[in-house]
Amino acid sequence: MQQNTMGQNIIITEPSSNLRALGRNALAGKWKLAIITLIVYQLCLQIPPVILNAIFGTKADIIGDQSSVSVDMYSSIYNSMPAYSTLGSLYVILVTGALTLGVSLFFLALFRRQRIDIVDIFLGFEHFGKALGLFLFQSLFIFLWTLLFFVPGIIASIRYSQAFFILADDPTKGIRQCMNESKAMMKGNKSKYFCLSLSFIGWAILAALPASILEAIVVVTYAPVFVQSLVAIIISLFTVPVMAYIFSTVTGFYEILAGHLIKETEPAPVTPEEPENFIPKEVE
């Protein structure tokens, strides 16, 4: 892997196509396992909130001085939206950090050709408190930068993108340490990471296209909101193979930044070059 270094910071110069190839190579023979694992991850993250919202979700009444026609129009749109509950939101906040850490552990082990299993995504719950703290801390920093403008928010998300990999690599590290190390790692690499992310747009559109068509069909049929939510989750699984591709590639990105993938120097010649004024010894 071609890199330049500035002090302790590794600057990635490899083109995005080579980085994606690195991700594909890591997935060789493991595509099925990675896809099933991410499906479990998606279902664990999305199904419980839908159930909690359906049971405990509430909506405020539409009030105002609009005409009856306007009220009917707004009511129709409003009623087609899913209800939200505090419990559903709380669930997402509590489990996202642990599940993200679990996915990071899974893909690090996959990339390193270690033994992996679907249940590895739940290993993040062994460090639940630290994973939750990192998720909240990371989200807060990104949110505060987003308040300034959209672009600083994107930059902040890229700056702290390696934090969960750092924690997965060494769970003894503190939350602030993971954030600081991610910030240091991404110094000089943010534009490369951004370009790498953009290089997946074609794949993302291709995966989302059939899902969008099916989702539109479900909405037109005026199915109950709960059914629409479940169908939307099932349809979103179309994008899981692309997610596996992206996760594997960004894991390789981290491995380079962490110094675990260093390009070997070219081997020395078998025989050293002879100096120009070298006079061979006469053979006795």
Protein backbone atom coordinates (compact mmCIF):
# COMPACT_ATOMS: atom_id res chain seq x y z
CA MET A 1 0.00 0.00 0.00
CA GLN A 2 1.64 3.23 -1.16
CA GLN A 3 1.82 5.83 1.58
CA ASN A 4 3.78 8.85 2.69
CA THR A 5 4.36 9.67 6.32
CA MET A 6 4.54 12.99 8.16
CA GLY A 7 5.83 12.29 11.66
CA GLN A 8 3.57 9.66 13.17
CA ASN A 9 0.71 10.43 10.77
CA ILE A 10 0.26 8.17 7.75
CA ILE A 11 -1.00 9.93 4.62
CA ILE A 12 -2.83 7.60 2.23
CA THR A 13 -2.03 8.27 -1.42
CA GLU A 14 -3.55 5.10 -2.87
CA PRO A 15 -6.42 5.70 -5.35
CA SER A 16 -9.97 4.82 -4.29
CA SER A 17 -10.12 1.96 -6.80
CA ASN A 18 -7.22 0.22 -5.05
CA LEU A 19 -8.78 0.79 -1.63
CA ARG A 20 -12.05 -0.74 -2.84
CA ALA A 21 -10.12 -3.69 -4.22
CA LEU A 22 -8.62 -4.14 -0.78
CA GLY A 23 -12.14 -4.30 0.64
CA ARG A 24 -13.26 -6.86 -1.96
CA ASN A 25 -10.23 -9.04 -1.28
CA ALA A 26 -11.06 -9.08 2.43
CA LEU A 27 -14.63 -10.18 1.61
CA ALA A 28 -13.52 -13.02 -0.67
CA GLY A 29 -15.23 -16.17 0.56
CA LYS A 30 -16.94 -14.19 3.36
CA TRP A 31 -19.62 -12.27 1.45
CA LYS A 32 -22.50 -14.44 2.68
CA LEU A 33 -21.45 -14.23 6.33
CA ALA A 34 -20.90 -10.48 6.14
CA ILE A 35 -24.29 -9.89 4.50
CA ILE A 36 -26.17 -12.05 7.03
CA THR A 37 -24.38 -10.30 9.89
CA LEU A 38 -25.36 -6.87 8.58
CA ILE A 39 -28.96 -8.02 8.11
CA VAL A 40 -29.05 -9.02 11.78
CA TYR A 41 -27.48 -5.64 12.64
CA GLN A 42 -30.14 -3.77 10.63
CA LEU A 43 -33.01 -5.75 12.11
CA CYS A 44 -31.75 -5.26 15.68
CA LEU A 45 -31.46 -1.54 15.07
CA GLN A 46 -34.75 -0.97 13.24
CA ILE A 47 -37.38 -3.54 14.21
CA PRO A 48 -37.71 -2.78 17.97
CA PRO A 49 -38.27 0.99 17.40
CA VAL A 50 -41.03 0.21 14.89
CA ILE A 51 -42.77 -2.04 17.44
CA LEU A 52 -42.31 0.48 20.27
CA ASN A 53 -43.58 3.31 18.09
CA ALA A 54 -46.63 1.28 17.08
CA ILE A 55 -47.48 0.50 20.71
CA PHE A 56 -46.49 3.70 22.50
CA GLY A 57 -46.27 6.24 19.66
CA THR A 58 -48.44 9.33 19.82
CA LYS A 59 -49.28 12.23 17.54
CA ALA A 60 -50.47 15.70 18.43
CA ASP A 61 -53.78 16.96 17.04
CA ILE A 62 -53.64 19.26 14.04
CA ILE A 63 -54.88 22.66 15.09
CA GLY A 64 -55.06 25.99 13.34
CA ASP A 65 -57.27 28.26 11.29
CA GLN A 66 -56.85 26.41 8.01
CA SER A 67 -59.89 25.72 5.90
CA SER A 68 -61.50 22.28 6.10
CA VAL A 69 -59.91 21.39 2.76
CA SER A 70 -56.45 22.31 4.07
CA VAL A 71 -57.04 20.45 7.30
CA ASP A 72 -58.11 17.35 5.38
CA MET A 73 -55.01 17.58 3.19
CA TYR A 74 -52.65 18.06 6.14
CA SER A 75 -54.42 15.31 8.09
CA SER A 76 -53.98 12.88 5.20
CA ILE A 77 -50.26 13.59 4.97
CA TYR A 78 -49.84 13.61 8.75
CA ASN A 79 -51.68 10.33 9.26
CA SER A 80 -49.48 8.63 6.67
CA MET A 81 -46.42 9.40 8.79
CA PRO A 82 -45.31 6.93 11.48
CA ALA A 83 -45.93 7.77 15.13
CA TYR A 84 -42.90 8.13 17.37
CA SER A 85 -42.45 7.22 21.00
CA THR A 86 -39.89 8.23 23.57
CA LEU A 87 -39.11 4.55 24.16
CA GLY A 88 -38.35 3.98 20.48
CA SER A 89 -35.94 6.91 20.39
CA LEU A 90 -34.35 5.85 23.67
CA TYR A 91 -33.79 2.33 22.35
CA VAL A 92 -31.96 3.66 19.29
CA ILE A 93 -29.74 5.89 21.45
CA LEU A 94 -28.89 3.07 23.87
CA VAL A 95 -28.02 0.30 21.38
CA THR A 96 -26.46 2.17 18.43
CA GLY A 97 -23.07 2.56 20.11
CA ALA A 98 -22.78 -1.09 21.17
CA LEU A 99 -23.96 -2.37 17.77
CA THR A 100 -21.57 -0.03 15.93
CA LEU A 101 -18.70 -1.28 18.08
CA GLY A 102 -19.79 -4.86 17.38
CA VAL A 103 -19.80 -4.29 13.62
CA SER A 104 -16.36 -2.67 13.88
CA LEU A 105 -15.06 -5.72 15.79
CA PHE A 106 -16.59 -8.07 13.21
CA PHE A 107 -15.05 -6.35 10.18
CA LEU A 108 -11.65 -5.92 11.83
CA ALA A 109 -11.60 -9.68 12.50
CA LEU A 110 -12.82 -10.37 8.95
CA PHE A 111 -10.14 -8.13 7.44
CA ARG A 112 -7.45 -9.80 9.53
CA ARG A 113 -8.64 -13.27 8.49
CA GLN A 114 -9.52 -14.20 12.06
CA ARG A 115 -12.35 -16.47 13.06
CA ILE A 116 -15.69 -14.64 12.85
CA ASP A 117 -19.34 -15.38 13.56
CA ILE A 118 -22.65 -13.54 13.26
CA VAL A 119 -22.94 -13.14 17.04
CA ASP A 120 -19.72 -11.08 17.01
CA ILE A 121 -21.83 -7.95 16.42
CA PHE A 122 -23.13 -8.33 19.99
CA LEU A 123 -19.61 -8.25 21.44
CA GLY A 124 -19.92 -4.48 21.64
CA PHE A 125 -22.34 -4.91 24.55
CA GLU A 126 -19.42 -6.20 26.63
CA HIS A 127 -18.24 -2.56 26.60
CA PHE A 128 -21.73 -1.06 26.64
CA GLY A 129 -20.95 2.00 28.76
CA LYS A 130 -17.90 3.03 26.78
CA ALA A 131 -19.61 2.37 23.43
CA LEU A 132 -22.63 4.45 24.49
CA GLY A 133 -20.38 7.24 25.72
CA LEU A 134 -18.40 7.29 22.48
CA PHE A 135 -21.59 7.34 20.39
CA LEU A 136 -23.02 10.26 22.40
CA PHE A 137 -19.72 12.16 22.42
CA GLN A 138 -19.21 11.63 18.68
CA SER A 139 -22.81 12.60 17.87
CA LEU A 140 -22.56 15.74 20.00
CA PHE A 141 -19.39 16.93 18.28
CA ILE A 142 -20.85 16.30 14.81
CA PHE A 143 -24.14 18.00 15.78
CA LEU A 144 -22.39 21.11 17.12
CA TRP A 145 -20.30 21.45 13.96
CA THR A 146 -23.44 20.93 11.84
CA LEU A 147 -25.05 23.92 13.60
CA LEU A 148 -22.37 26.11 12.03
CA PHE A 149 -23.10 24.79 8.54
CA PHE A 150 -23.66 21.53 6.70
CA VAL A 151 -20.10 21.25 5.39
CA PRO A 152 -18.39 21.54 8.82
CA GLY A 153 -20.72 18.77 9.99
CA ILE A 154 -19.51 16.49 7.18
CA ILE A 155 -15.89 17.34 7.98
CA ALA A 156 -16.48 16.54 11.66
CA SER A 157 -18.08 13.18 10.83
CA ILE A 158 -15.04 12.31 8.71
CA ARG A 159 -12.62 13.57 11.37
CA TYR A 160 -14.07 11.21 13.99
CA SER A 161 -14.86 8.35 11.62
CA GLN A 162 -12.10 6.10 13.00
CA ALA A 163 -13.11 6.38 16.67
CA PHE A 164 -15.06 3.11 16.86
CA PHE A 165 -12.32 1.19 15.04
CA ILE A 166 -9.81 2.54 17.55
CA LEU A 167 -12.01 1.43 20.45
CA ALA A 168 -12.56 -1.98 18.83
CA ASP A 169 -8.81 -2.38 18.38
CA ASP A 170 -8.13 -1.51 22.02
CA PRO A 171 -11.18 -1.40 24.35
CA THR A 172 -8.98 -0.18 27.20
CA LYS A 173 -8.71 3.26 25.57
CA GLY A 174 -10.88 6.07 26.84
CA ILE A 175 -13.61 7.86 24.90
CA ARG A 176 -11.71 11.12 24.55
CA GLN A 177 -8.55 9.22 23.56
CA CYS A 178 -10.40 7.45 20.73
CA MET A 179 -11.74 10.78 19.48
CA ASN A 180 -8.33 12.46 19.65
CA GLU A 181 -6.57 9.58 17.91
CA SER A 182 -9.18 9.56 15.15
CA LYS A 183 -8.68 13.30 14.70
CA ALA A 184 -4.91 12.80 14.47
CA MET A 185 -5.22 9.87 12.05
CA MET A 186 -7.47 11.81 9.68
CA LYS A 187 -5.20 14.83 9.52
CA GLY A 188 -4.31 15.02 5.84
CA ASN A 189 -6.65 12.11 4.99
CA LYS A 190 -10.09 13.72 5.16
CA SER A 191 -10.28 14.50 1.44
CA LYS A 192 -9.17 10.95 0.58
CA TYR A 193 -11.86 9.51 2.87
CA PHE A 194 -14.47 11.82 1.32
CA CYS A 195 -13.50 10.80 -2.21
CA LEU A 196 -13.54 7.13 -1.19
CA SER A 197 -17.07 7.57 0.17
CA LEU A 198 -18.19 9.31 -3.03
CA SER A 199 -16.83 6.43 -5.11
CA PHE A 200 -19.62 4.21 -3.72
CA ILE A 201 -22.45 6.46 -4.93
CA GLY A 202 -23.02 4.45 -8.11
CA TRP A 203 -23.32 1.21 -6.16
CA ALA A 204 -25.62 2.85 -3.59
CA ILE A 205 -27.97 4.18 -6.29
CA LEU A 206 -28.02 0.83 -8.06
CA ALA A 207 -28.92 -0.96 -4.80
CA ALA A 208 -31.50 1.64 -3.72
CA LEU A 209 -33.33 1.87 -7.06
CA PRO A 210 -35.38 -1.36 -6.84
CA ALA A 211 -35.98 -0.71 -3.13
CA SER A 212 -37.36 2.78 -3.89
CA ILE A 213 -39.71 1.41 -6.53
CA LEU A 214 -41.09 -1.26 -4.20
CA GLU A 215 -41.47 1.25 -1.37
CA ALA A 216 -43.41 3.62 -3.64
CA ILE A 217 -45.77 0.76 -4.57
CA VAL A 218 -46.43 0.01 -0.89
CA VAL A 219 -47.15 3.67 -0.10
CA VAL A 220 -49.58 3.97 -3.02
CA THR A 221 -51.54 0.97 -1.75
CA TYR A 222 -52.32 2.93 1.46
CA ALA A 223 -51.19 0.10 3.72
CA PRO A 224 -51.25 0.75 7.49
CA VAL A 225 -48.32 2.79 8.77
CA PHE A 226 -47.00 -0.13 10.83
CA VAL A 227 -47.00 -2.37 7.75
CA GLN A 228 -45.34 0.35 5.69
CA SER A 229 -42.58 0.67 8.29
CA LEU A 230 -41.90 -3.06 8.34
CA VAL A 231 -41.90 -3.25 4.54
CA ALA A 232 -39.52 -0.26 4.39
CA ILE A 233 -37.11 -2.11 6.69
CA ILE A 234 -37.30 -5.28 4.60
CA ILE A 235 -36.79 -3.28 1.41
CA SER A 236 -33.76 -1.50 2.94
CA LEU A 237 -32.06 -4.89 3.14
CA PHE A 238 -31.46 -4.59 -0.62
CA THR A 239 -28.61 -2.22 0.23
CA VAL A 240 -26.88 -4.64 2.65
CA PRO A 241 -24.38 -6.05 0.09
CA VAL A 242 -23.21 -2.51 -0.65
CA MET A 243 -22.98 -1.86 3.10
CA ALA A 244 -20.74 -4.92 3.46
CA TYR A 245 -18.56 -3.61 0.62
CA ILE A 246 -18.31 -0.17 2.24
CA PHE A 247 -17.64 -1.52 5.76
CA SER A 248 -14.89 -3.80 4.49
CA THR A 249 -13.26 -0.98 2.50
CA VAL A 250 -13.29 1.57 5.34
CA THR A 251 -11.89 -1.12 7.63
CA GLY A 252 -8.96 -1.42 5.24
CA PHE A 253 -8.67 2.37 5.34
CA TYR A 254 -8.33 2.20 9.12
CA GLU A 255 -5.80 -0.63 8.94
CA ILE A 256 -3.58 1.54 6.77
CA LEU A 257 -3.94 4.57 9.04
CA ALA A 258 -3.12 2.42 12.08
CA GLY A 259 0.07 1.24 10.39
CA HIS A 260 -1.06 -2.38 10.12
CA LEU A 261 -0.77 -2.46 6.32
CA ILE A 262 2.56 -1.10 5.19
CA LYS A 263 3.81 -1.64 1.67
CA GLU A 264 6.93 -3.77 1.68
CA THR A 265 10.06 -2.23 0.25
CA GLU A 266 11.49 -3.79 -2.88
CA PRO A 267 13.95 -6.58 -2.11
CA ALA A 268 17.63 -5.86 -2.46
CA PRO A 269 19.33 -7.30 -5.56
CA VAL A 270 20.74 -10.78 -5.22
CA THR A 271 24.23 -9.50 -5.95
CA PRO A 272 25.28 -5.94 -5.13
CA GLU A 273 26.20 -3.67 -7.99
CA GLU A 274 29.92 -3.56 -8.69
CA PRO A 275 31.66 -0.17 -8.54
CA GLU A 276 32.87 1.22 -11.87
CA ASN A 277 36.55 1.00 -10.91
CA PHE A 278 36.25 -2.55 -9.62
CA ILE A 279 39.10 -4.80 -10.83
CA PRO A 280 38.40 -8.50 -10.43
CA LYS A 281 40.98 -10.61 -8.67
CA GLU A 282 42.87 -12.99 -10.86
CA VAL A 283 41.75 -16.51 -10.35
CA GLU A 284 44.61 -18.57 -9.09
